[in-house]
Amino acid sequence: MLAVVKRSGVTEPFSRDKVVRGVRRACQGRPVDEDAFQLLAHRVEESIRTTGCAEIPSHEVGLAILGPLRELDEVAYLRFASVYRSFTSVEDFEKEIADLRTVRVVESRPEPGASGQ
C-alpha cells in the first residue's frame, strides 16, 4: 500500500480522492470536467508508484500534481502553485507566469529535423 508522509510526520494512505479534491478546488470556475480530474489523479498515482517507494513525502505528491495540472489548465495550475509554493508577492506570480510562457514557447517549437509539412 502506498503511504504519504505529511510534514507533521503522520503517515496516511495515498488517496486519489484527496488529489481530486485539491485539484477540483484549484479548477473551481474553470472548464474542466470530472473525467479530467479522475485522469489527473490516476496520472499522479502512477507517477508516485513508479518511484518504487512505499512511503512518499506529501511534498512529492504536490510536485506530481503540478505537471499534469499545468497541462490541464494553466489558471488552475497558478492557483495550486500559489498555495503549494506559498507565494507571498505579486513577483512570485509574475515569475511563475513568465516560466509558463517560456514552457509554452519551448513546447510550441517544432522537433529538430521536422519538415513542418
PDB file of N, CA and C in Angstrom:
ATOM      1  N   MET A   1       0.844  -1.184   0.000  1.00  0.00           N
ATOM      2  CA  MET A   1       0.000   0.000   0.000  1.00  0.00           C
ATOM      3  C   MET A   1       0.890   1.249   0.000  1.00  0.00           C
ATOM      4  N   LEU A   2       0.505   2.216  -0.764  1.00  0.00           N
ATOM      5  CA  LEU A   2       1.249   3.464  -0.896  1.00  0.00           C
ATOM      6  C   LEU A   2       0.834   4.412   0.227  1.00  0.00           C
ATOM      7  N   ALA A   3       1.825   4.964   0.929  1.00  0.00           N
ATOM      8  CA  ALA A   3       1.543   5.868   2.048  1.00  0.00           C
ATOM      9  C   ALA A   3       2.189   7.230   1.805  1.00  0.00           C
ATOM     10  N   VAL A   4       1.544   8.250   2.349  1.00  0.00           N
ATOM     11  CA  VAL A   4       2.025   9.621   2.242  1.00  0.00           C
ATOM     12  C   VAL A   4       2.452  10.076   3.633  1.00  0.00           C
ATOM     13  N   VAL A   5       3.677  10.621   3.706  1.00  0.00           N
ATOM     14  CA  VAL A   5       4.182  11.144   4.972  1.00  0.00           C
ATOM     15  C   VAL A   5       3.981  12.652   4.964  1.00  0.00           C
ATOM     16  N   LYS A   6       3.132  13.118   5.873  1.00  0.00           N
ATOM     17  CA  LYS A   6       2.831  14.545   5.953  1.00  0.00           C
ATOM     18  C   LYS A   6       3.962  15.281   6.665  1.00  0.00           C
ATOM     19  N   ARG A   7       3.966  16.611   6.560  1.00  0.00           N
ATOM     20  CA  ARG A   7       5.017  17.422   7.194  1.00  0.00           C
ATOM     21  C   ARG A   7       5.134  17.148   8.686  1.00  0.00           C
ATOM     22  N   SER A   8       4.004  16.856   9.328  1.00  0.00           N
ATOM     23  CA  SER A   8       3.993  16.606  10.769  1.00  0.00           C
ATOM     24  C   SER A   8       4.614  15.259  11.132  1.00  0.00           C
ATOM     25  N   GLY A   9       4.867  14.429  10.102  1.00  0.00           N
ATOM     26  CA  GLY A   9       5.403  13.098  10.350  1.00  0.00           C
ATOM     27  C   GLY A   9       4.346  12.012  10.347  1.00  0.00           C
ATOM     28  N   VAL A  10       3.083  12.418  10.368  1.00  0.00           N
ATOM     29  CA  VAL A  10       1.975  11.469  10.335  1.00  0.00           C
ATOM     30  C   VAL A  10       1.935  10.809   8.951  1.00  0.00           C
ATOM     31  N   THR A  11       1.699   9.516   8.950  1.00  0.00           N
ATOM     32  CA  THR A  11       1.596   8.768   7.690  1.00  0.00           C
ATOM     33  C   THR A  11       0.137   8.392   7.461  1.00  0.00           C
ATOM     34  N   GLU A  12      -0.318   8.572   6.221  1.00  0.00           N
ATOM     35  CA  GLU A  12      -1.686   8.188   5.867  1.00  0.00           C
ATOM     36  C   GLU A  12      -1.667   7.544   4.494  1.00  0.00           C
ATOM     37  N   PRO A  13      -2.656   6.695   4.206  1.00  0.00           N
ATOM     38  CA  PRO A  13      -2.699   6.063   2.885  1.00  0.00           C
ATOM     39  C   PRO A  13      -2.879   7.106   1.789  1.00  0.00           C
ATOM     40  N   PHE A  14      -2.245   6.866   0.634  1.00  0.00           N
ATOM     41  CA  PHE A  14      -2.444   7.748  -0.524  1.00  0.00           C
ATOM     42  C   PHE A  14      -3.916   7.713  -0.894  1.00  0.00           C
ATOM     43  N   SER A  15      -4.463   8.874  -1.231  1.00  0.00           N
ATOM     44  CA  SER A  15      -5.875   8.961  -1.587  1.00  0.00           C
ATOM     45  C   SER A  15      -6.046   9.731  -2.893  1.00  0.00           C
ATOM     46  N   ARG A  16      -6.523   9.016  -3.905  1.00  0.00           N
ATOM     47  CA  ARG A  16      -6.844   9.692  -5.168  1.00  0.00           C
ATOM     48  C   ARG A  16      -7.909  10.747  -4.938  1.00  0.00           C
ATOM     49  N   ASP A  17      -8.870  10.425  -4.051  1.00  0.00           N
ATOM     50  CA  ASP A  17      -9.948  11.370  -3.771  1.00  0.00           C
ATOM     51  C   ASP A  17      -9.405  12.683  -3.220  1.00  0.00           C
ATOM     52  N   LYS A  18      -8.379  12.605  -2.396  1.00  0.00           N
ATOM     53  CA  LYS A  18      -7.783  13.819  -1.840  1.00  0.00           C
ATOM     54  C   LYS A  18      -7.113  14.640  -2.947  1.00  0.00           C
ATOM     55  N   VAL A  19      -6.460  13.960  -3.887  1.00  0.00           N
ATOM     56  CA  VAL A  19      -5.858  14.645  -5.029  1.00  0.00           C
ATOM     57  C   VAL A  19      -6.959  15.333  -5.837  1.00  0.00           C
ATOM     58  N   VAL A  20      -8.041  14.613  -6.102  1.00  0.00           N
ATOM     59  CA  VAL A  20      -9.153  15.176  -6.882  1.00  0.00           C
ATOM     60  C   VAL A  20      -9.732  16.397  -6.175  1.00  0.00           C
ATOM     61  N   ARG A  21      -9.919  16.308  -4.861  1.00  0.00           N
ATOM     62  CA  ARG A  21     -10.486  17.451  -4.121  1.00  0.00           C
ATOM     63  C   ARG A  21      -9.595  18.690  -4.243  1.00  0.00           C
ATOM     64  N   GLY A  22      -8.285  18.516  -4.098  1.00  0.00           N
ATOM     65  CA  GLY A  22      -7.363  19.641  -4.207  1.00  0.00           C
ATOM     66  C   GLY A  22      -7.346  20.242  -5.595  1.00  0.00           C
ATOM     67  N   VAL A  23      -7.351  19.382  -6.594  1.00  0.00           N
ATOM     68  CA  VAL A  23      -7.331  19.858  -7.982  1.00  0.00           C
ATOM     69  C   VAL A  23      -8.671  20.496  -8.341  1.00  0.00           C
ATOM     70  N   ARG A  24      -9.762  19.901  -7.849  1.00  0.00           N
ATOM     71  CA  ARG A  24     -11.091  20.468  -8.119  1.00  0.00           C
ATOM     72  C   ARG A  24     -11.185  21.881  -7.538  1.00  0.00           C
ATOM     73  N   ARG A  25     -10.625  22.091  -6.349  1.00  0.00           N
ATOM     74  CA  ARG A  25     -10.628  23.412  -5.718  1.00  0.00           C
ATOM     75  C   ARG A  25      -9.863  24.408  -6.599  1.00  0.00           C
ATOM     76  N   ALA A  26      -8.703  23.985  -7.103  1.00  0.00           N
ATOM     77  CA  ALA A  26      -7.901  24.862  -7.965  1.00  0.00           C
ATOM     78  C   ALA A  26      -8.618  25.159  -9.280  1.00  0.00           C
ATOM     79  N   CYS A  27      -9.448  24.227  -9.731  1.00  0.00           N
ATOM     80  CA  CYS A  27     -10.142  24.360 -11.015  1.00  0.00           C
ATOM     81  C   CYS A  27     -11.529  24.991 -10.883  1.00  0.00           C
ATOM     82  N   GLN A  28     -11.899  25.416  -9.691  1.00  0.00           N
ATOM     83  CA  GLN A  28     -13.231  25.982  -9.486  1.00  0.00           C
ATOM     84  C   GLN A  28     -13.493  27.105 -10.486  1.00  0.00           C
ATOM     85  N   GLY A  29     -14.605  26.998 -11.214  1.00  0.00           N
ATOM     86  CA  GLY A  29     -14.979  28.002 -12.203  1.00  0.00           C
ATOM     87  C   GLY A  29     -14.275  27.849 -13.543  1.00  0.00           C
ATOM     88  N   ARG A  30     -13.422  26.844 -13.674  1.00  0.00           N
ATOM     89  CA  ARG A  30     -12.692  26.608 -14.918  1.00  0.00           C
ATOM     90  C   ARG A  30     -13.418  25.516 -15.712  1.00  0.00           C
ATOM     91  N   PRO A  31     -13.230  25.496 -17.037  1.00  0.00           N
ATOM     92  CA  PRO A  31     -13.920  24.498 -17.876  1.00  0.00           C
ATOM     93  C   PRO A  31     -13.211  23.137 -17.853  1.00  0.00           C
ATOM     94  N   VAL A  32     -13.272  22.470 -16.696  1.00  0.00           N
ATOM     95  CA  VAL A  32     -12.620  21.167 -16.523  1.00  0.00           C
ATOM     96  C   VAL A  32     -13.684  20.182 -16.057  1.00  0.00           C
ATOM     97  N   ASP A  33     -13.771  19.036 -16.729  1.00  0.00           N
ATOM     98  CA  ASP A  33     -14.811  18.077 -16.365  1.00  0.00           C
ATOM     99  C   ASP A  33     -14.291  17.004 -15.400  1.00  0.00           C
ATOM    100  N   GLU A  34     -15.220  16.263 -14.854  1.00  0.00           N
ATOM    101  CA  GLU A  34     -14.915  15.252 -13.845  1.00  0.00           C
ATOM    102  C   GLU A  34     -13.947  14.194 -14.354  1.00  0.00           C
ATOM    103  N   ASP A  35     -14.086  13.789 -15.605  1.00  0.00           N
ATOM    104  CA  ASP A  35     -13.175  12.787 -16.164  1.00  0.00           C
ATOM    105  C   ASP A  35     -11.732  13.279 -16.123  1.00  0.00           C
ATOM    106  N   ALA A  36     -11.533  14.572 -16.370  1.00  0.00           N
ATOM    107  CA  ALA A  36     -10.179  15.133 -16.344  1.00  0.00           C
ATOM    108  C   ALA A  36      -9.595  15.069 -14.934  1.00  0.00           C
ATOM    109  N   PHE A  37     -10.428  15.294 -13.909  1.00  0.00           N
ATOM    110  CA  PHE A  37      -9.955  15.180 -12.531  1.00  0.00           C
ATOM    111  C   PHE A  37      -9.505  13.755 -12.236  1.00  0.00           C
ATOM    112  N   GLN A  38     -10.329  12.814 -12.642  1.00  0.00           N
ATOM    113  CA  GLN A  38     -10.016  11.408 -12.371  1.00  0.00           C
ATOM    114  C   GLN A  38      -8.749  10.968 -13.111  1.00  0.00           C
ATOM    115  N   LEU A  39      -8.610  11.406 -14.350  1.00  0.00           N
ATOM    116  CA  LEU A  39      -7.426  11.058 -15.135  1.00  0.00           C
ATOM    117  C   LEU A  39      -6.170  11.666 -14.519  1.00  0.00           C
ATOM    118  N   LEU A  40      -6.258  12.910 -14.085  1.00  0.00           N
ATOM    119  CA  LEU A  40      -5.115  13.553 -13.449  1.00  0.00           C
ATOM    120  C   LEU A  40      -4.723  12.803 -12.174  1.00  0.00           C
ATOM    121  N   ALA A  41      -5.695  12.446 -11.354  1.00  0.00           N
ATOM    122  CA  ALA A  41      -5.404  11.709 -10.112  1.00  0.00           C
ATOM    123  C   ALA A  41      -4.761  10.365 -10.429  1.00  0.00           C
ATOM    124  N   HIS A  42      -5.218   9.712 -11.489  1.00  0.00           N
ATOM    125  CA  HIS A  42      -4.615   8.443 -11.911  1.00  0.00           C
ATOM    126  C   HIS A  42      -3.166   8.654 -12.327  1.00  0.00           C
ATOM    127  N   ARG A  43      -2.911   9.709 -13.115  1.00  0.00           N
ATOM    128  CA  ARG A  43      -1.540  10.008 -13.550  1.00  0.00           C
ATOM    129  C   ARG A  43      -0.634  10.279 -12.358  1.00  0.00           C
ATOM    130  N   VAL A  44      -1.145  11.030 -11.379  1.00  0.00           N
ATOM    131  CA  VAL A  44      -0.360  11.339 -10.177  1.00  0.00           C
ATOM    132  C   VAL A  44      -0.029  10.048  -9.429  1.00  0.00           C
ATOM    133  N   GLU A  45      -1.026   9.192  -9.238  1.00  0.00           N
ATOM    134  CA  GLU A  45      -0.791   7.935  -8.519  1.00  0.00           C
ATOM    135  C   GLU A  45       0.228   7.065  -9.257  1.00  0.00           C
ATOM    136  N   GLU A  46       0.090   6.959 -10.571  1.00  0.00           N
ATOM    137  CA  GLU A  46       1.041   6.159 -11.352  1.00  0.00           C
ATOM    138  C   GLU A  46       2.453   6.730 -11.250  1.00  0.00           C
ATOM    139  N   SER A  47       2.566   8.034 -11.312  1.00  0.00           N
ATOM    140  CA  SER A  47       3.863   8.696 -11.203  1.00  0.00           C
ATOM    141  C   SER A  47       4.515   8.375  -9.860  1.00  0.00           C
ATOM    142  N   ILE A  48       3.737   8.416  -8.818  1.00  0.00           N
ATOM    143  CA  ILE A  48       4.253   8.130  -7.477  1.00  0.00           C
ATOM    144  C   ILE A  48       4.626   6.655  -7.352  1.00  0.00           C
ATOM    145  N   ARG A  49       3.785   5.784  -7.886  1.00  0.00           N
ATOM    146  CA  ARG A  49       4.068   4.343  -7.798  1.00  0.00           C
ATOM    147  C   ARG A  49       5.353   3.963  -8.536  1.00  0.00           C
ATOM    148  N   THR A  50       5.661   4.664  -9.617  1.00  0.00           N
ATOM    149  CA  THR A  50       6.858   4.317 -10.387  1.00  0.00           C
ATOM    150  C   THR A  50       8.144   4.615  -9.626  1.00  0.00           C
ATOM    151  N   THR A  51       8.046   5.381  -8.531  1.00  0.00           N
ATOM    152  CA  THR A  51       9.240   5.632  -7.715  1.00  0.00           C
ATOM    153  C   THR A  51       9.668   4.363  -6.993  1.00  0.00           C
ATOM    154  N   GLY A  52       8.727   3.445  -6.802  1.00  0.00           N
ATOM    155  CA  GLY A  52       9.034   2.192  -6.104  1.00  0.00           C
ATOM    156  C   GLY A  52       9.076   2.327  -4.595  1.00  0.00           C
ATOM    157  N   CYS A  53       8.792   3.509  -4.079  1.00  0.00           N
ATOM    158  CA  CYS A  53       8.821   3.742  -2.629  1.00  0.00           C
ATOM    159  C   CYS A  53       7.452   3.425  -2.027  1.00  0.00           C
ATOM    160  N   ALA A  54       7.453   2.808  -0.851  1.00  0.00           N
ATOM    161  CA  ALA A  54       6.203   2.507  -0.154  1.00  0.00           C
ATOM    162  C   ALA A  54       5.655   3.755   0.530  1.00  0.00           C
ATOM    163  N   GLU A  55       6.564   4.662   0.916  1.00  0.00           N
ATOM    164  CA  GLU A  55       6.156   5.908   1.557  1.00  0.00           C
ATOM    165  C   GLU A  55       6.742   7.074   0.773  1.00  0.00           C
ATOM    166  N   ILE A  56       5.931   8.109   0.603  1.00  0.00           N
ATOM    167  CA  ILE A  56       6.377   9.273  -0.154  1.00  0.00           C
ATOM    168  C   ILE A  56       5.986  10.543   0.607  1.00  0.00           C
ATOM    169  N   PRO A  57       6.877  11.519   0.680  1.00  0.00           N
ATOM    170  CA  PRO A  57       6.528  12.772   1.373  1.00  0.00           C
ATOM    171  C   PRO A  57       5.390  13.501   0.650  1.00  0.00           C
ATOM    172  N   SER A  58       4.539  14.165   1.417  1.00  0.00           N
ATOM    173  CA  SER A  58       3.409  14.884   0.819  1.00  0.00           C
ATOM    174  C   SER A  58       3.891  15.930  -0.190  1.00  0.00           C
ATOM    175  N   HIS A  59       5.071  16.476   0.051  1.00  0.00           N
ATOM    176  CA  HIS A  59       5.658  17.445  -0.877  1.00  0.00           C
ATOM    177  C   HIS A  59       5.810  16.834  -2.279  1.00  0.00           C
ATOM    178  N   GLU A  60       6.195  15.565  -2.336  1.00  0.00           N
ATOM    179  CA  GLU A  60       6.360  14.875  -3.622  1.00  0.00           C
ATOM    180  C   GLU A  60       5.016  14.683  -4.322  1.00  0.00           C
ATOM    181  N   VAL A  61       3.964  14.493  -3.552  1.00  0.00           N
ATOM    182  CA  VAL A  61       2.633  14.373  -4.153  1.00  0.00           C
ATOM    183  C   VAL A  61       2.277  15.694  -4.824  1.00  0.00           C
ATOM    184  N   GLY A  62       2.534  16.799  -4.143  1.00  0.00           N
ATOM    185  CA  GLY A  62       2.271  18.114  -4.726  1.00  0.00           C
ATOM    186  C   GLY A  62       3.044  18.329  -6.010  1.00  0.00           C
ATOM    187  N   LEU A  63       4.318  17.939  -6.008  1.00  0.00           N
ATOM    188  CA  LEU A  63       5.131  18.059  -7.222  1.00  0.00           C
ATOM    189  C   LEU A  63       4.553  17.208  -8.351  1.00  0.00           C
ATOM    190  N   ALA A  64       4.057  16.026  -8.011  1.00  0.00           N
ATOM    191  CA  ALA A  64       3.485  15.127  -9.021  1.00  0.00           C
ATOM    192  C   ALA A  64       2.193  15.697  -9.603  1.00  0.00           C
ATOM    193  N   ILE A  65       1.515  16.551  -8.855  1.00  0.00           N
ATOM    194  CA  ILE A  65       0.273  17.172  -9.333  1.00  0.00           C
ATOM    195  C   ILE A  65       0.578  18.331 -10.281  1.00  0.00           C
ATOM    196  N   LEU A  66       1.634  19.080 -10.013  1.00  0.00           N
ATOM    197  CA  LEU A  66       1.898  20.309 -10.758  1.00  0.00           C
ATOM    198  C   LEU A  66       2.011  20.108 -12.268  1.00  0.00           C
ATOM    199  N   GLY A  67       2.759  19.119 -12.715  1.00  0.00           N
ATOM    200  CA  GLY A  67       2.951  18.907 -14.151  1.00  0.00           C
ATOM    201  C   GLY A  67       1.654  18.628 -14.898  1.00  0.00           C
ATOM    202  N   PRO A  68       0.915  17.597 -14.476  1.00  0.00           N
ATOM    203  CA  PRO A  68      -0.354  17.320 -15.163  1.00  0.00           C
ATOM    204  C   PRO A  68      -1.365  18.456 -15.052  1.00  0.00           C
ATOM    205  N   LEU A  69      -1.354  19.184 -13.930  1.00  0.00           N
ATOM    206  CA  LEU A  69      -2.290  20.294 -13.774  1.00  0.00           C
ATOM    207  C   LEU A  69      -1.929  21.438 -14.716  1.00  0.00           C
ATOM    208  N   ARG A  70      -0.645  21.682 -14.908  1.00  0.00           N
ATOM    209  CA  ARG A  70      -0.218  22.721 -15.856  1.00  0.00           C
ATOM    210  C   ARG A  70      -0.720  22.389 -17.251  1.00  0.00           C
ATOM    211  N   GLU A  71      -0.647  21.113 -17.625  1.00  0.00           N
ATOM    212  CA  GLU A  71      -1.135  20.681 -18.941  1.00  0.00           C
ATOM    213  C   GLU A  71      -2.647  20.797 -19.049  1.00  0.00           C
ATOM    214  N   LEU A  72      -3.335  20.568 -17.940  1.00  0.00           N
ATOM    215  CA  LEU A  72      -4.797  20.578 -17.938  1.00  0.00           C
ATOM    216  C   LEU A  72      -5.362  21.995 -18.017  1.00  0.00           C
ATOM    217  N   ASP A  73      -4.861  22.906 -17.156  1.00  0.00           N
ATOM    218  CA  ASP A  73      -5.411  24.254 -17.106  1.00  0.00           C
ATOM    219  C   ASP A  73      -4.398  25.165 -16.426  1.00  0.00           C
ATOM    220  N   GLU A  74      -3.878  26.132 -17.162  1.00  0.00           N
ATOM    221  CA  GLU A  74      -2.823  26.992 -16.629  1.00  0.00           C
ATOM    222  C   GLU A  74      -3.299  27.888 -15.485  1.00  0.00           C
ATOM    223  N   VAL A  75      -4.547  28.325 -15.524  1.00  0.00           N
ATOM    224  CA  VAL A  75      -5.061  29.168 -14.437  1.00  0.00           C
ATOM    225  C   VAL A  75      -5.164  28.335 -13.157  1.00  0.00           C
ATOM    226  N   ALA A  76      -5.699  27.135 -13.266  1.00  0.00           N
ATOM    227  CA  ALA A  76      -5.786  26.251 -12.097  1.00  0.00           C
ATOM    228  C   ALA A  76      -4.386  25.912 -11.583  1.00  0.00           C
ATOM    229  N   TYR A  77      -3.454  25.723 -12.514  1.00  0.00           N
ATOM    230  CA  TYR A  77      -2.066  25.462 -12.132  1.00  0.00           C
ATOM    231  C   TYR A  77      -1.522  26.610 -11.289  1.00  0.00           C
ATOM    232  N   LEU A  78      -1.742  27.857 -11.727  1.00  0.00           N
ATOM    233  CA  LEU A  78      -1.266  29.017 -10.970  1.00  0.00           C
ATOM    234  C   LEU A  78      -1.890  29.072  -9.582  1.00  0.00           C
ATOM    235  N   ARG A  79      -3.180  28.780  -9.510  1.00  0.00           N
ATOM    236  CA  ARG A  79      -3.858  28.775  -8.208  1.00  0.00           C
ATOM    237  C   ARG A  79      -3.223  27.740  -7.283  1.00  0.00           C
ATOM    238  N   PHE A  80      -3.051  26.525  -7.797  1.00  0.00           N
ATOM    239  CA  PHE A  80      -2.494  25.438  -6.990  1.00  0.00           C
ATOM    240  C   PHE A  80      -1.054  25.758  -6.606  1.00  0.00           C
ATOM    241  N   ALA A  81      -0.261  26.206  -7.562  1.00  0.00           N
ATOM    242  CA  ALA A  81       1.144  26.517  -7.296  1.00  0.00           C
ATOM    243  C   ALA A  81       1.274  27.640  -6.275  1.00  0.00           C
ATOM    244  N   SER A  82       0.368  28.616  -6.325  1.00  0.00           N
ATOM    245  CA  SER A  82       0.467  29.742  -5.391  1.00  0.00           C
ATOM    246  C   SER A  82       0.280  29.290  -3.950  1.00  0.00           C
ATOM    247  N   VAL A  83      -0.576  28.318  -3.741  1.00  0.00           N
ATOM    248  CA  VAL A  83      -0.779  27.775  -2.391  1.00  0.00           C
ATOM    249  C   VAL A  83       0.335  26.793  -2.057  1.00  0.00           C
ATOM    250  N   TYR A  84       0.606  25.884  -2.971  1.00  0.00           N
ATOM    251  CA  TYR A  84       1.600  24.830  -2.734  1.00  0.00           C
ATOM    252  C   TYR A  84       2.991  25.406  -2.488  1.00  0.00           C
ATOM    253  N   ARG A  85       3.339  26.443  -3.244  1.00  0.00           N
ATOM    254  CA  ARG A  85       4.673  27.044  -3.117  1.00  0.00           C
ATOM    255  C   ARG A  85       4.663  28.299  -2.231  1.00  0.00           C
ATOM    256  N   SER A  86       3.534  28.562  -1.605  1.00  0.00           N
ATOM    257  CA  SER A  86       3.399  29.675  -0.653  1.00  0.00           C
ATOM    258  C   SER A  86       3.838  31.014  -1.247  1.00  0.00           C
ATOM    259  N   PHE A  87       3.219  31.379  -2.369  1.00  0.00           N
ATOM    260  CA  PHE A  87       3.522  32.678  -2.966  1.00  0.00           C
ATOM    261  C   PHE A  87       3.214  33.770  -1.940  1.00  0.00           C
ATOM    262  N   THR A  88       4.088  34.776  -1.877  1.00  0.00           N
ATOM    263  CA  THR A  88       3.906  35.855  -0.913  1.00  0.00           C
ATOM    264  C   THR A  88       3.843  37.229  -1.570  1.00  0.00           C
ATOM    265  N   SER A  89       4.010  37.266  -2.890  1.00  0.00           N
ATOM    266  CA  SER A  89       4.027  38.571  -3.553  1.00  0.00           C
ATOM    267  C   SER A  89       3.560  38.445  -5.002  1.00  0.00           C
ATOM    268  N   VAL A  90       3.275  39.602  -5.578  1.00  0.00           N
ATOM    269  CA  VAL A  90       2.926  39.667  -6.997  1.00  0.00           C
ATOM    270  C   VAL A  90       4.098  39.146  -7.828  1.00  0.00           C
ATOM    271  N   GLU A  91       5.308  39.419  -7.376  1.00  0.00           N
ATOM    272  CA  GLU A  91       6.505  38.964  -8.096  1.00  0.00           C
ATOM    273  C   GLU A  91       6.553  37.448  -8.214  1.00  0.00           C
ATOM    274  N   ASP A  92       6.071  36.749  -7.175  1.00  0.00           N
ATOM    275  CA  ASP A  92       6.022  35.278  -7.243  1.00  0.00           C
ATOM    276  C   ASP A  92       5.120  34.836  -8.398  1.00  0.00           C
ATOM    277  N   PHE A  93       3.970  35.496  -8.541  1.00  0.00           N
ATOM    278  CA  PHE A  93       3.056  35.187  -9.643  1.00  0.00           C
ATOM    279  C   PHE A  93       3.688  35.542 -10.980  1.00  0.00           C
ATOM    280  N   GLU A  94       4.317  36.711 -11.040  1.00  0.00           N
ATOM    281  CA  GLU A  94       4.945  37.147 -12.292  1.00  0.00           C
ATOM    282  C   GLU A  94       6.009  36.162 -12.753  1.00  0.00           C
ATOM    283  N   LYS A  95       6.817  35.681 -11.816  1.00  0.00           N
ATOM    284  CA  LYS A  95       7.864  34.719 -12.164  1.00  0.00           C
ATOM    285  C   LYS A  95       7.244  33.420 -12.678  1.00  0.00           C
ATOM    286  N   GLU A  96       6.206  32.952 -12.010  1.00  0.00           N
ATOM    287  CA  GLU A  96       5.562  31.708 -12.431  1.00  0.00           C
ATOM    288  C   GLU A  96       4.914  31.863 -13.800  1.00  0.00           C
ATOM    289  N   ILE A  97       4.297  33.005 -14.054  1.00  0.00           N
ATOM    290  CA  ILE A  97       3.680  33.263 -15.364  1.00  0.00           C
ATOM    291  C   ILE A  97       4.761  33.325 -16.444  1.00  0.00           C
ATOM    292  N   ALA A  98       5.882  33.974 -16.138  1.00  0.00           N
ATOM    293  CA  ALA A  98       6.996  34.023 -17.101  1.00  0.00           C
ATOM    294  C   ALA A  98       7.497  32.612 -17.395  1.00  0.00           C
ATOM    295  N   ASP A  99       7.587  31.777 -16.371  1.00  0.00           N
ATOM    296  CA  ASP A  99       8.011  30.384 -16.567  1.00  0.00           C
ATOM    297  C   ASP A  99       7.009  29.627 -17.442  1.00  0.00           C
ATOM    298  N   LEU A 100       5.712  29.857 -17.209  1.00  0.00           N
ATOM    299  CA  LEU A 100       4.678  29.217 -18.035  1.00  0.00           C
ATOM    300  C   LEU A 100       4.815  29.632 -19.496  1.00  0.00           C
ATOM    301  N   ARG A 101       5.061  30.907 -19.718  1.00  0.00           N
ATOM    302  CA  ARG A 101       5.217  31.396 -21.093  1.00  0.00           C
ATOM    303  C   ARG A 101       6.437  30.776 -21.751  1.00  0.00           C
ATOM    304  N   THR A 102       7.523  30.653 -21.007  1.00  0.00           N
ATOM    305  CA  THR A 102       8.739  30.039 -21.547  1.00  0.00           C
ATOM    306  C   THR A 102       8.474  28.594 -21.934  1.00  0.00           C
ATOM    307  N   VAL A 103       7.803  27.862 -21.060  1.00  0.00           N
ATOM    308  CA  VAL A 103       7.476  26.460 -21.352  1.00  0.00           C
ATOM    309  C   VAL A 103       6.591  26.374 -22.586  1.00  0.00           C
ATOM    310  N   ARG A 104       5.619  27.268 -22.692  1.00  0.00           N
ATOM    311  CA  ARG A 104       4.708  27.264 -23.839  1.00  0.00           C
ATOM    312  C   ARG A 104       5.470  27.482 -25.137  1.00  0.00           C
ATOM    313  N   VAL A 105       6.433  28.409 -25.136  1.00  0.00           N
ATOM    314  CA  VAL A 105       7.239  28.690 -26.329  1.00  0.00           C
ATOM    315  C   VAL A 105       8.085  27.478 -26.688  1.00  0.00           C
ATOM    316  N   VAL A 106       8.738  26.895 -25.693  1.00  0.00           N
ATOM    317  CA  VAL A 106       9.586  25.719 -25.932  1.00  0.00           C
ATOM    318  C   VAL A 106       8.752  24.569 -26.486  1.00  0.00           C
ATOM    319  N   GLU A 107       7.568  24.346 -25.908  1.00  0.00           N
ATOM    320  CA  GLU A 107       6.716  23.241 -26.352  1.00  0.00           C
ATOM    321  C   GLU A 107       6.135  23.470 -27.740  1.00  0.00           C
ATOM    322  N   SER A 108       6.033  24.729 -28.170  1.00  0.00           N
ATOM    323  CA  SER A 108       5.448  25.003 -29.483  1.00  0.00           C
ATOM    324  C   SER A 108       6.476  24.952 -30.618  1.00  0.00           C
ATOM    325  N   ARG A 109       7.765  24.848 -30.258  1.00  0.00           N
ATOM    326  CA  ARG A 109       8.807  24.760 -31.294  1.00  0.00           C
ATOM    327  C   ARG A 109       8.732  23.404 -31.972  1.00  0.00           C
ATOM    328  N   PRO A 110       8.970  23.381 -33.296  1.00  0.00           N
ATOM    329  CA  PRO A 110       8.964  22.092 -33.993  1.00  0.00           C
ATOM    330  C   PRO A 110      10.158  21.239 -33.560  1.00  0.00           C
ATOM    331  N   GLU A 111       9.954  19.946 -33.623  1.00  0.00           N
ATOM    332  CA  GLU A 111      11.026  18.995 -33.298  1.00  0.00           C
ATOM    333  C   GLU A 111      12.192  19.210 -34.269  1.00  0.00           C
ATOM    334  N   PRO A 112      13.425  19.069 -33.785  1.00  0.00           N
ATOM    335  CA  PRO A 112      14.558  19.162 -34.703  1.00  0.00           C
ATOM    336  C   PRO A 112      14.425  18.117 -35.814  1.00  0.00           C
ATOM    337  N   GLY A 113      14.633  18.546 -37.025  1.00  0.00           N
ATOM    338  CA  GLY A 113      14.532  17.631 -38.151  1.00  0.00           C
ATOM    339  C   GLY A 113      13.122  17.511 -38.724  1.00  0.00           C
ATOM    340  N   ALA A 114      12.125  18.137 -38.054  1.00  0.00           N
ATOM    341  CA  ALA A 114      10.758  18.085 -38.569  1.00  0.00           C
ATOM    342  C   ALA A 114      10.639  19.032 -39.753  1.00  0.00           C
ATOM    343  N   SER A 115      10.009  18.571 -40.800  1.00  0.00           N
ATOM    344  CA  SER A 115       9.930  19.384 -42.016  1.00  0.00           C
ATOM    345  C   SER A 115       8.796  20.387 -41.954  1.00  0.00           C
ATOM    346  N   GLY A 116       7.835  20.170 -41.061  1.00  0.00           N
ATOM    347  CA  GLY A 116       6.702  21.089 -40.956  1.00  0.00           C
ATOM    348  C   GLY A 116       5.680  20.893 -42.044  1.00  0.00           C
ATOM    349  N   GLN A 117       5.798  19.810 -42.808  1.00  0.00           N
ATOM    350  CA  GLN A 117       4.831  19.575 -43.888  1.00  0.00           C
ATOM    351  C   GLN A 117       3.913  18.451 -43.546  1.00  0.00           C
TER     352      GLN A 117
END
